[in-house]
């Protein structure tokens, strides 16, 4: 390990081992704020996963095969019937 890695491990370890009792009081408002932060973080993570699900699925999913086993080819008539919502 190089010096930076040793420092990144040693400094937090020394800080955690050298702590003293704080005798602090956490009121119910503080606990509520911590709970709200956790719930917000979970909701934000779920939203991010939902937002990028297609990219994640394409990256870790199977590669499409060259043959179409399910007959998913679209004829020109069917393509005209599908509304195009996106303007390019």
Protein backbone atom coordinates (compact mmCIF):
# COMPACT_ATOMS: atom_id res chain seq x y z
CA UNK A 1 0.00 0.00 0.00
CA UNK A 2 1.24 3.45 -0.75
CA UNK A 3 1.30 6.33 1.72
CA UNK A 4 -2.03 7.84 0.62
CA UNK A 5 -3.89 4.57 1.14
CA UNK A 6 -2.31 4.11 4.56
CA UNK A 7 -3.29 7.65 5.53
CA UNK A 8 -6.87 7.10 4.29
CA UNK A 9 -7.16 4.09 6.59
CA UNK A 10 -5.11 5.28 9.56
CA UNK A 11 -6.57 8.76 10.07
CA UNK A 12 -10.23 7.71 10.40
CA UNK A 13 -9.21 4.73 12.56
CA UNK A 14 -7.27 6.99 14.94
CA UNK A 15 -10.14 9.47 15.10
CA UNK A 16 -12.62 6.73 15.95
CA UNK A 17 -10.36 5.18 18.59
CA UNK A 18 -9.54 8.47 20.30
CA UNK A 19 -13.10 9.72 20.85
CA UNK A 20 -14.42 10.73 24.26
CA UNK A 21 -17.92 10.64 25.65
CA UNK A 22 -19.94 13.66 24.52
CA UNK A 23 -22.83 13.33 27.01
CA UNK A 24 -25.04 14.84 24.32
CA UNK A 25 -28.82 14.81 24.19
CA UNK A 26 -30.65 13.91 21.00
CA UNK A 27 -34.17 15.24 21.16
CA UNK A 28 -37.06 13.73 19.15
CA UNK A 29 -36.67 16.42 16.49
CA UNK A 30 -33.15 15.21 15.73
CA UNK A 31 -34.32 11.61 15.42
CA UNK A 32 -37.13 12.75 13.15
CA UNK A 33 -34.67 14.66 10.97
CA UNK A 34 -32.40 11.60 10.68
CA UNK A 35 -35.39 9.42 9.75
CA UNK A 36 -36.53 11.98 7.18
CA UNK A 37 -33.05 12.01 5.64
CA UNK A 38 -32.99 8.23 5.39
CA UNK A 39 -36.44 8.09 3.79
CA UNK A 40 -35.50 10.88 1.38
CA UNK A 41 -32.28 9.09 0.43
CA UNK A 42 -34.13 5.85 -0.24
CA UNK A 43 -36.78 7.66 -2.30
CA UNK A 44 -34.08 9.52 -4.26
CA UNK A 45 -32.22 6.29 -4.94
CA UNK A 46 -35.41 4.61 -6.14
CA UNK A 47 -36.14 7.56 -8.43
CA UNK A 48 -32.62 7.47 -9.87
CA UNK A 49 -32.89 3.74 -10.53
CA UNK A 50 -36.27 4.26 -12.19
CA UNK A 51 -34.90 7.12 -14.28
CA UNK A 52 -31.89 5.16 -15.54
CA UNK A 53 -33.47 1.67 -15.58
CA UNK A 54 -33.33 1.39 -19.38
CA UNK A 55 -29.63 2.21 -19.48
CA UNK A 56 -28.87 -0.20 -16.64
CA UNK A 57 -30.94 -2.94 -18.25
CA UNK A 58 -29.23 -2.53 -21.62
CA UNK A 59 -25.79 -2.51 -20.02
CA UNK A 60 -26.26 -5.64 -17.90
CA UNK A 61 -28.86 -7.44 -20.02
CA UNK A 62 -28.33 -9.92 -22.79
CA UNK A 63 -27.24 -8.77 -26.20
CA UNK A 64 -30.02 -8.95 -28.81
CA UNK A 65 -29.78 -11.84 -31.22
CA UNK A 66 -29.62 -11.28 -34.97
CA UNK A 67 -32.62 -13.54 -35.74
CA UNK A 68 -36.11 -12.60 -34.67
CA UNK A 69 -37.59 -15.69 -33.01
CA UNK A 70 -40.73 -13.94 -31.78
CA UNK A 71 -41.62 -12.37 -35.12
CA UNK A 72 -41.24 -8.85 -33.81
CA UNK A 73 -40.62 -7.33 -37.24
CA UNK A 74 -42.82 -4.34 -38.01
CA UNK A 75 -44.29 -3.79 -41.43
CA UNK A 76 -44.46 -0.36 -43.04
CA UNK A 77 -48.23 -0.23 -42.50
CA UNK A 78 -47.88 -1.00 -38.79
CA UNK A 79 -45.16 1.63 -38.42
CA UNK A 80 -47.48 4.29 -39.89
CA UNK A 81 -50.21 3.43 -37.38
CA UNK A 82 -47.97 4.05 -34.36
CA UNK A 83 -48.15 7.70 -33.20
CA UNK A 84 -44.82 9.45 -33.02
CA UNK A 85 -44.74 11.63 -29.90
CA UNK A 86 -41.11 12.65 -30.16
CA UNK A 87 -40.13 15.46 -32.49
CA UNK A 88 -36.62 15.15 -33.84
